[in-house]
C-alpha atoms as a PDB file:
ATOM      1  CA  MET A   1       0.000   0.000   0.000  1.00  0.00           C
ATOM      2  CA  LEU A   2       1.187   3.514  -0.764  1.00  0.00           C
ATOM      3  CA  THR A   3       0.006   6.820   0.771  1.00  0.00           C
ATOM      4  CA  ASP A   4      -0.207   9.661  -1.737  1.00  0.00           C
ATOM      5  CA  ALA A   5       0.226  12.905   0.222  1.00  0.00           C
ATOM      6  CA  GLU A   6      -0.083  15.099  -2.872  1.00  0.00           C
ATOM      7  CA  LEU A   7      -3.673  14.117  -3.641  1.00  0.00           C
ATOM      8  CA  THR A   8      -6.323  14.216  -0.917  1.00  0.00           C
ATOM      9  CA  ASN A   9     -10.004  13.423  -0.652  1.00  0.00           C
ATOM     10  CA  GLU A  10     -12.771  15.904   0.323  1.00  0.00           C
ATOM     11  CA  LEU A  11     -11.883  15.595   3.975  1.00  0.00           C
ATOM     12  CA  GLY A  12      -8.274  16.577   3.302  1.00  0.00           C
ATOM     13  CA  LEU A  13      -6.958  13.107   4.010  1.00  0.00           C
ATOM     14  CA  PRO A  14      -4.188  11.643   1.800  1.00  0.00           C
ATOM     15  CA  LEU A  15      -5.253   9.022  -0.685  1.00  0.00           C
ATOM     16  CA  VAL A  16      -4.137   5.430  -0.227  1.00  0.00           C
ATOM     17  CA  ARG A  17      -3.058   3.557  -3.354  1.00  0.00           C
ATOM     18  CA  GLY A  18      -2.482  -0.076  -3.904  1.00  0.00           C
ATOM     19  CA  PRO A  19      -1.679  -2.720  -3.224  1.00  0.00           C
ATOM     20  CA  TYR A  20       1.155  -3.012  -5.744  1.00  0.00           C
ATOM     21  CA  PRO A  21       3.515  -5.960  -6.202  1.00  0.00           C
ATOM     22  CA  THR A  22       6.710  -3.838  -6.368  1.00  0.00           C
ATOM     23  CA  LEU A  23       7.761  -0.297  -5.569  1.00  0.00           C
ATOM     24  CA  ASP A  24       8.492   0.439  -9.247  1.00  0.00           C
ATOM     25  CA  VAL A  25       5.003  -0.628 -10.258  1.00  0.00           C
ATOM     26  CA  ALA A  26       3.560   1.559  -7.449  1.00  0.00           C
ATOM     27  CA  ARG A  27       5.531   4.633  -8.609  1.00  0.00           C
ATOM     28  CA  ALA A  28       4.430   4.146 -12.193  1.00  0.00           C
ATOM     29  CA  ALA A  29       0.790   3.814 -11.123  1.00  0.00           C
ATOM     30  CA  VAL A  30       0.926   6.926  -8.943  1.00  0.00           C
ATOM     31  CA  ASP A  31       2.502   8.966 -11.747  1.00  0.00           C
ATOM     32  CA  ALA A  32      -0.245   7.819 -14.106  1.00  0.00           C
ATOM     33  CA  LEU A  33      -2.980   8.742 -11.645  1.00  0.00           C
ATOM     34  CA  ARG A  34      -1.535  12.162 -10.932  1.00  0.00           C
ATOM     35  CA  SER A  35      -1.390  12.999 -14.633  1.00  0.00           C
ATOM     36  CA  GLY A  36      -4.983  11.819 -15.182  1.00  0.00           C
ATOM     37  CA  PRO A  37      -8.299  13.448 -14.189  1.00  0.00           C
ATOM     38  CA  ALA A  38      -9.016  14.103 -10.516  1.00  0.00           C
ATOM     39  CA  PRO A  39     -10.895  11.286  -8.748  1.00  0.00           C
ATOM     40  CA  ILE A  40     -14.617  11.734  -8.112  1.00  0.00           C
ATOM     41  CA  TYR A  41     -16.080  11.028  -4.662  1.00  0.00           C
ATOM     42  CA  ASP A  42     -19.690  10.771  -3.381  1.00  0.00           C
ATOM     43  CA  LEU A  43     -18.664  11.432   0.209  1.00  0.00           C
ATOM     44  CA  ALA A  44     -20.293  14.883   0.292  1.00  0.00           C
ATOM     45  CA  GLU A  45     -23.643  13.487  -0.902  1.00  0.00           C
ATOM     46  CA  ARG A  46     -23.557  10.722   1.703  1.00  0.00           C
ATOM     47  CA  MET A  47     -22.718  13.165   4.509  1.00  0.00           C
ATOM     48  CA  ALA A  48     -25.489  15.550   3.429  1.00  0.00           C
ATOM     49  CA  ALA A  49     -27.989  12.706   3.762  1.00  0.00           C
ATOM     50  CA  MET A  50     -26.922  11.860   7.328  1.00  0.00           C
ATOM     51  CA  PRO A  51     -28.703  14.801   9.128  1.00  0.00           C
ATOM     52  CA  ALA A  52     -31.990  13.877   7.458  1.00  0.00           C
ATOM     53  CA  ARG A  53     -31.766  10.337   8.860  1.00  0.00           C
ATOM     54  CA  ALA A  54     -30.837  11.740  12.266  1.00  0.00           C
ATOM     55  CA  ALA A  55     -33.837  14.096  12.181  1.00  0.00           C
ATOM     56  CA  ARG A  56     -36.157  11.193  11.383  1.00  0.00           C
ATOM     57  CA  SER A  57     -34.714   9.302  14.341  1.00  0.00           C
ATOM     58  CA  ALA A  58     -35.234  12.341  16.600  1.00  0.00           C
ATOM     59  CA  ASP A  59     -38.943  12.388  15.692  1.00  0.00           C
ATOM     60  CA  ARG A  60     -39.408   8.943  17.166  1.00  0.00           C
ATOM     61  CA  PRO A  61     -40.223   8.847  20.899  1.00  0.00           C
ATOM     62  CA  ALA A  62     -37.368   7.746  23.051  1.00  0.00           C
ATOM     63  CA  PRO A  63     -37.899   4.270  24.512  1.00  0.00           C
ATOM     64  CA  ALA A  64     -38.892   4.253  28.157  1.00  0.00           C
ATOM     65  CA  PRO A  65     -36.002   3.380  30.422  1.00  0.00           C
ATOM     66  CA  ARG A  66     -36.169  -0.131  31.686  1.00  0.00           C
ATOM     67  CA  SER A  67     -35.747  -0.834  35.309  1.00  0.00           C
ATOM     68  CA  GLY A  68     -35.579  -4.070  37.176  1.00  0.00           C
ATOM     69  CA  ARG A  69     -37.600  -2.586  40.036  1.00  0.00           C
ATOM     70  CA  PRO A  70     -41.420  -2.636  39.879  1.00  0.00           C
ATOM     71  CA  ALA A  71     -43.263   0.685  39.994  1.00  0.00           C
ATOM     72  CA  PRO A  72     -43.976   1.740  43.591  1.00  0.00           C
ATOM     73  CA  ARG A  73     -47.547   1.107  44.722  1.00  0.00           C
ATOM     74  CA  ALA A  74     -49.658   3.790  46.337  1.00  0.00           C
ATOM     75  CA  ALA A  75     -49.654   3.588  50.111  1.00  0.00           C
ATOM     76  CA  GLU A  76     -52.719   1.798  51.458  1.00  0.00           C
ATOM     77  CA  PRO A  77     -54.823   3.720  53.999  1.00  0.00           C
ATOM     78  CA  LEU A  78     -54.501   2.770  57.636  1.00  0.00           C
ATOM     79  CA  PRO A  79     -57.239   0.474  58.952  1.00  0.00           C
ATOM     80  CA  VAL A  80     -60.052   1.898  61.071  1.00  0.00           C
ATOM     81  CA  VAL A  81     -60.167   0.353  64.544  1.00  0.00           C
ATOM     82  CA  ILE A  82     -63.114   0.643  66.940  1.00  0.00           C
ATOM     83  CA  ARG A  83     -61.940   0.858  70.541  1.00  0.00           C
ATOM     84  CA  GLU A  84     -62.959   2.249  73.910  1.00  0.00           C
ATOM     85  CA  PHE A  85     -62.542   5.887  74.831  1.00  0.00           C
ATOM     86  CA  ARG A  86     -59.201   7.040  76.220  1.00  0.00           C
ATOM     87  CA  SER A  87     -58.695  10.109  78.361  1.00  0.00           C
ATOM     88  CA  ARG A  88     -56.598  11.847  75.682  1.00  0.00           C
ATOM     89  CA  ASP A  89     -59.379  11.511  73.054  1.00  0.00           C
ATOM     90  CA  GLY A  90     -61.418  14.439  74.350  1.00  0.00           C
ATOM     91  CA  GLU A  91     -60.146  17.216  72.098  1.00  0.00           C
ATOM     92  CA  SER A  92     -60.299  15.084  68.934  1.00  0.00           C
ATOM     93  CA  LEU A  93     -63.844  14.004  69.777  1.00  0.00           C
ATOM     94  CA  ARG A  94     -65.006  17.584  70.329  1.00  0.00           C
ATOM     95  CA  THR A  95     -63.525  18.562  66.941  1.00  0.00           C
ATOM     96  CA  LEU A  96     -65.394  15.693  65.264  1.00  0.00           C
ATOM     97  CA  TRP A  97     -68.659  16.534  67.034  1.00  0.00           C
ATOM     98  CA  ALA A  98     -68.394  20.237  66.193  1.00  0.00           C
ATOM     99  CA  ALA A  99     -68.071  19.351  62.489  1.00  0.00           C
ATOM    100  CA  MET A 100     -71.264  17.293  62.788  1.00  0.00           C
ATOM    101  CA  GLY A 101     -73.152  19.912  64.765  1.00  0.00           C
ATOM    102  CA  CYS A 102     -73.149  17.753  67.906  1.00  0.00           C
ATOM    103  CA  ARG A 103     -72.413  20.025  70.840  1.00  0.00           C
ATOM    104  CA  SER A 104     -73.990  19.612  74.250  1.00  0.00           C
ATOM    105  CA  LEU A 105     -73.401  19.941  77.953  1.00  0.00           C
ATOM    106  CA  GLY A 106     -71.165  17.159  79.194  1.00  0.00           C
ATOM    107  CA  ASP A 107     -68.588  17.053  76.373  1.00  0.00           C
ATOM    108  CA  ASP A 108     -65.718  18.295  78.564  1.00  0.00           C
ATOM    109  CA  ASP A 109     -62.922  15.915  79.563  1.00  0.00           C
ATOM    110  CA  MET A 110     -64.118  15.378  83.150  1.00  0.00           C
ATOM    111  CA  SER A 111     -67.675  14.571  82.048  1.00  0.00           C
ATOM    112  CA  LEU A 112     -66.454  12.164  79.376  1.00  0.00           C
ATOM    113  CA  ARG A 113     -64.265  10.312  81.875  1.00  0.00           C
ATOM    114  CA  ARG A 114     -67.194  10.080  84.287  1.00  0.00           C
ATOM    115  CA  PHE A 115     -69.492   8.787  81.547  1.00  0.00           C
ATOM    116  CA  ALA A 116     -66.941   6.136  80.524  1.00  0.00           C
ATOM    117  CA  GLN A 117     -66.556   4.988  84.143  1.00  0.00           C
ATOM    118  CA  ARG A 118     -70.328   4.675  84.633  1.00  0.00           C
ATOM    119  CA  ASN A 119     -70.770   2.866  81.273  1.00  0.00           C
ATOM    120  CA  PRO A 120     -67.685   0.688  80.771  1.00  0.00           C
ATOM    121  CA  GLY A 121     -67.142  -0.392  77.179  1.00  0.00           C
ATOM    122  CA  LEU A 122     -69.953   1.809  75.826  1.00  0.00           C
ATOM    123  CA  LEU A 123     -68.109   5.018  74.926  1.00  0.00           C
ATOM    124  CA  LEU A 124     -66.563   4.007  71.610  1.00  0.00           C
ATOM    125  CA  VAL A 125     -64.294   5.787  69.155  1.00  0.00           C
ATOM    126  CA  ALA A 126     -63.220   4.784  65.650  1.00  0.00           C
ATOM    127  CA  ALA A 127     -59.523   5.519  65.170  1.00  0.00           C
ATOM    128  CA  GLN A 128     -57.502   5.556  61.971  1.00  0.00           C
ATOM    129  CA  GLY A 129     -53.957   5.777  63.177  1.00  0.00           C
ATOM    130  CA  ALA A 130     -53.816   8.834  65.445  1.00  0.00           C
ATOM    131  CA  ALA A 131     -56.993  10.373  63.944  1.00  0.00           C
ATOM    132  CA  ILE A 132     -60.461   9.963  65.462  1.00  0.00           C
ATOM    133  CA  VAL A 133     -62.921   9.382  62.585  1.00  0.00           C
ATOM    134  CA  GLY A 134     -66.028   8.135  64.403  1.00  0.00           C
ATOM    135  CA  SER A 135     -67.785   7.878  67.761  1.00  0.00           C
ATOM    136  CA  ALA A 136     -70.833   6.509  69.585  1.00  0.00           C
ATOM    137  CA  MET A 137     -71.790   6.810  73.250  1.00  0.00           C
ATOM    138  CA  GLY A 138     -74.009   4.261  74.978  1.00  0.00           C
ATOM    139  CA  GLY A 139     -75.482   4.809  78.433  1.00  0.00           C
ATOM    140  CA  TRP A 140     -77.821   2.770  80.652  1.00  0.00           C
ATOM    141  CA  ASP A 141     -79.666   4.103  83.661  1.00  0.00           C
ATOM    142  CA  GLY A 142     -80.898   0.692  84.760  1.00  0.00           C
ATOM    143  CA  ARG A 143     -84.226   1.025  82.965  1.00  0.00           C
ATOM    144  CA  ARG A 144     -83.584   2.413  79.464  1.00  0.00           C
ATOM    145  CA  GLY A 145     -80.557   2.585  77.256  1.00  0.00           C
ATOM    146  CA  TRP A 146     -79.518   5.718  75.385  1.00  0.00           C
ATOM    147  CA  ILE A 147     -77.205   6.308  72.444  1.00  0.00           C
ATOM    148  CA  TYR A 148     -75.575   9.696  71.924  1.00  0.00           C
ATOM    149  CA  HIS A 149     -73.140  11.409  69.561  1.00  0.00           C
ATOM    150  CA  VAL A 150     -73.058   8.907  66.699  1.00  0.00           C
ATOM    151  CA  ALA A 151     -70.724  10.724  64.301  1.00  0.00           C
ATOM    152  CA  THR A 152     -68.303   9.948  61.475  1.00  0.00           C
ATOM    153  CA  ALA A 153     -65.720  12.103  59.730  1.00  0.00           C
ATOM    154  CA  GLU A 154     -66.608  13.320  56.247  1.00  0.00           C
ATOM    155  CA  GLY A 155     -64.336  10.855  54.445  1.00  0.00           C
ATOM    156  CA  HIS A 156     -65.931   7.887  56.242  1.00  0.00           C
ATOM    157  CA  ARG A 157     -69.619   8.636  55.808  1.00  0.00           C
ATOM    158  CA  ARG A 158     -71.773   6.092  53.982  1.00  0.00           C
ATOM    159  CA  SER A 159     -69.077   3.494  54.590  1.00  0.00           C
ATOM    160  CA  GLY A 160     -70.979   1.461  57.195  1.00  0.00           C
ATOM    161  CA  LEU A 161     -68.811   2.765  60.037  1.00  0.00           C
ATOM    162  CA  ALA A 162     -71.681   4.454  61.909  1.00  0.00           C
ATOM    163  CA  THR A 163     -73.736   1.260  61.719  1.00  0.00           C
ATOM    164  CA  LYS A 164     -70.843  -0.768  63.149  1.00  0.00           C
ATOM    165  CA  LEU A 165     -70.498   1.673  66.038  1.00  0.00           C
ATOM    166  CA  VAL A 166     -74.231   1.539  66.845  1.00  0.00           C
ATOM    167  CA  ARG A 167     -74.401  -2.249  66.671  1.00  0.00           C
ATOM    168  CA  GLN A 168     -71.416  -2.581  68.982  1.00  0.00           C
ATOM    169  CA  VAL A 169     -73.007  -0.188  71.493  1.00  0.00           C
ATOM    170  CA  GLU A 170     -76.275  -2.121  71.265  1.00  0.00           C
ATOM    171  CA  ALA A 171     -74.455  -5.372  71.979  1.00  0.00           C
ATOM    172  CA  GLY A 172     -72.831  -3.814  75.040  1.00  0.00           C
ATOM    173  CA  LEU A 173     -76.157  -2.501  76.327  1.00  0.00           C
ATOM    174  CA  LEU A 174     -77.817  -5.861  75.849  1.00  0.00           C
ATOM    175  CA  ALA A 175     -74.993  -7.587  77.711  1.00  0.00           C
ATOM    176  CA  ALA A 176     -75.518  -5.156  80.602  1.00  0.00           C
ATOM    177  CA  GLY A 177     -79.233  -6.106  80.803  1.00  0.00           C
ATOM    178  CA  CYS A 178     -80.754  -3.316  78.710  1.00  0.00           C
ATOM    179  CA  ARG A 179     -83.797  -4.315  76.629  1.00  0.00           C
ATOM    180  CA  LYS A 180     -84.878  -0.965  75.158  1.00  0.00           C
ATOM    181  CA  VAL A 181     -82.749   1.755  73.585  1.00  0.00           C
ATOM    182  CA  ASN A 182     -83.660   5.379  72.860  1.00  0.00           C
ATOM    183  CA  VAL A 183     -82.006   7.989  70.668  1.00  0.00           C
ATOM    184  CA  ILE A 184     -82.619  11.710  70.276  1.00  0.00           C
ATOM    185  CA  VAL A 185     -82.950  13.239  66.795  1.00  0.00           C
ATOM    186  CA  ARG A 186     -83.357  16.992  66.462  1.00  0.00           C
ATOM    187  CA  ASP A 187     -86.323  18.317  64.483  1.00  0.00           C
ATOM    188  CA  GLY A 188     -85.447  18.907  60.840  1.00  0.00           C
ATOM    189  CA  ASN A 189     -82.476  16.521  60.777  1.00  0.00           C
ATOM    190  CA  GLU A 190     -83.879  14.313  58.031  1.00  0.00           C
ATOM    191  CA  ALA A 191     -80.559  12.560  57.342  1.00  0.00           C
ATOM    192  CA  ALA A 192     -80.276  11.411  60.959  1.00  0.00           C
ATOM    193  CA  ALA A 193     -83.931  10.313  61.007  1.00  0.00           C
ATOM    194  CA  ALA A 194     -83.396   8.234  57.853  1.00  0.00           C
ATOM    195  CA  PHE A 195     -80.265   6.658  59.343  1.00  0.00           C
ATOM    196  CA  TRP A 196     -82.033   5.523  62.520  1.00  0.00           C
ATOM    197  CA  ASN A 197     -85.022   4.275  60.539  1.00  0.00           C
ATOM    198  CA  THR A 198     -82.760   1.989  58.505  1.00  0.00           C
ATOM    199  CA  LEU A 199     -81.444   0.517  61.777  1.00  0.00           C
ATOM    200  CA  GLY A 200     -84.938  -0.332  62.976  1.00  0.00           C
ATOM    201  CA  TYR A 201     -85.614   2.642  65.239  1.00  0.00           C
ATOM    202  CA  GLY A 202     -89.080   4.171  65.090  1.00  0.00           C
ATOM    203  CA  LEU A 203     -90.547   7.532  65.996  1.00  0.00           C
ATOM    204  CA  HIS A 204     -92.543   7.539  69.276  1.00  0.00           C
ATOM    205  CA  GLU A 205     -95.366   9.920  70.071  1.00  0.00           C
ATOM    206  CA  ALA A 206     -93.615  11.751  72.858  1.00  0.00           C
ATOM    207  CA  ARG A 207     -91.774  14.967  73.516  1.00  0.00           C
ATOM    208  CA  GLN A 208     -88.499  15.387  75.309  1.00  0.00           C
ATOM    209  CA  TYR A 209     -88.303  17.892  78.113  1.00  0.00           C
ATOM    210  CA  GLY A 210     -85.038  18.940  79.701  1.00  0.00           C
ATOM    211  CA  ARG A 211     -83.470  21.405  82.107  1.00  0.00           C
ATOM    212  CA  GLU A 212     -79.883  22.233  82.903  1.00  0.00           C
ATOM    213  CA  LEU A 213     -79.169  22.178  86.623  1.00  0.00           C
ATOM    214  CA  PRO A 214     -76.945  25.023  87.812  1.00  0.00           C
ATOM    215  CA  GLU A 215     -73.898  24.006  89.779  1.00  0.00           C
ATOM    216  CA  GLY A 216     -74.408  24.061  93.543  1.00  0.00           C
ATOM    217  CA  GLU A 217     -78.185  23.783  93.341  1.00  0.00           C
ATOM    218  CA  GLU A 218     -79.501  21.553  96.102  1.00  0.00           C
ATOM    219  CA  GLY A 219     -82.475  19.282  95.686  1.00  0.00           C
ATOM    220  CA  GLU A 220     -85.686  20.105  97.496  1.00  0.00           C
ATOM    221  CA  ALA A 221     -86.480  18.165 100.673  1.00  0.00           C
END
């Protein structure tokens, strides 16, 4: 092979001649080529076509990167657990009740603790992790049972949670010897009335009367 530095291609690189059997034959061939017409190359045409192919490749979407790891799954919500009232639940319960419009005398921490002591296992809360998302209070005076403050957080309504709370309170009342349970529904609360109707509670022809006793008032002899 012989490199001809006097003649170059379109890139400016020296041409390579050969192979030739002897040096004399190579020199004669190079002299003949130099005296003849200049060589013709199609290198420029081929290079001009390269950007067009690259552009077509750029139009194609890049393949998604492959990974050996599966895509992460969305975190599952914490389970809802029904348990008995704890002394530290007071503030969370009052927040839940306020959102439901359930506010009454006796919702302070001392009254709640007293209620839970007098009705063991009947003041229930539904907890999802550290959040209180439901409640139901069952009380028995030895003659009639009462259910108060059945409430569920907005994201847990129509999920069956309120029904579970009521049925668990009913079971506790029955175990204590209670045979009849009453609930109070405010006038105009059609949603609450419909809820209790579906659980088998009926409207009685009676009116509720009540009075708040001032602290320190002594009973009459």
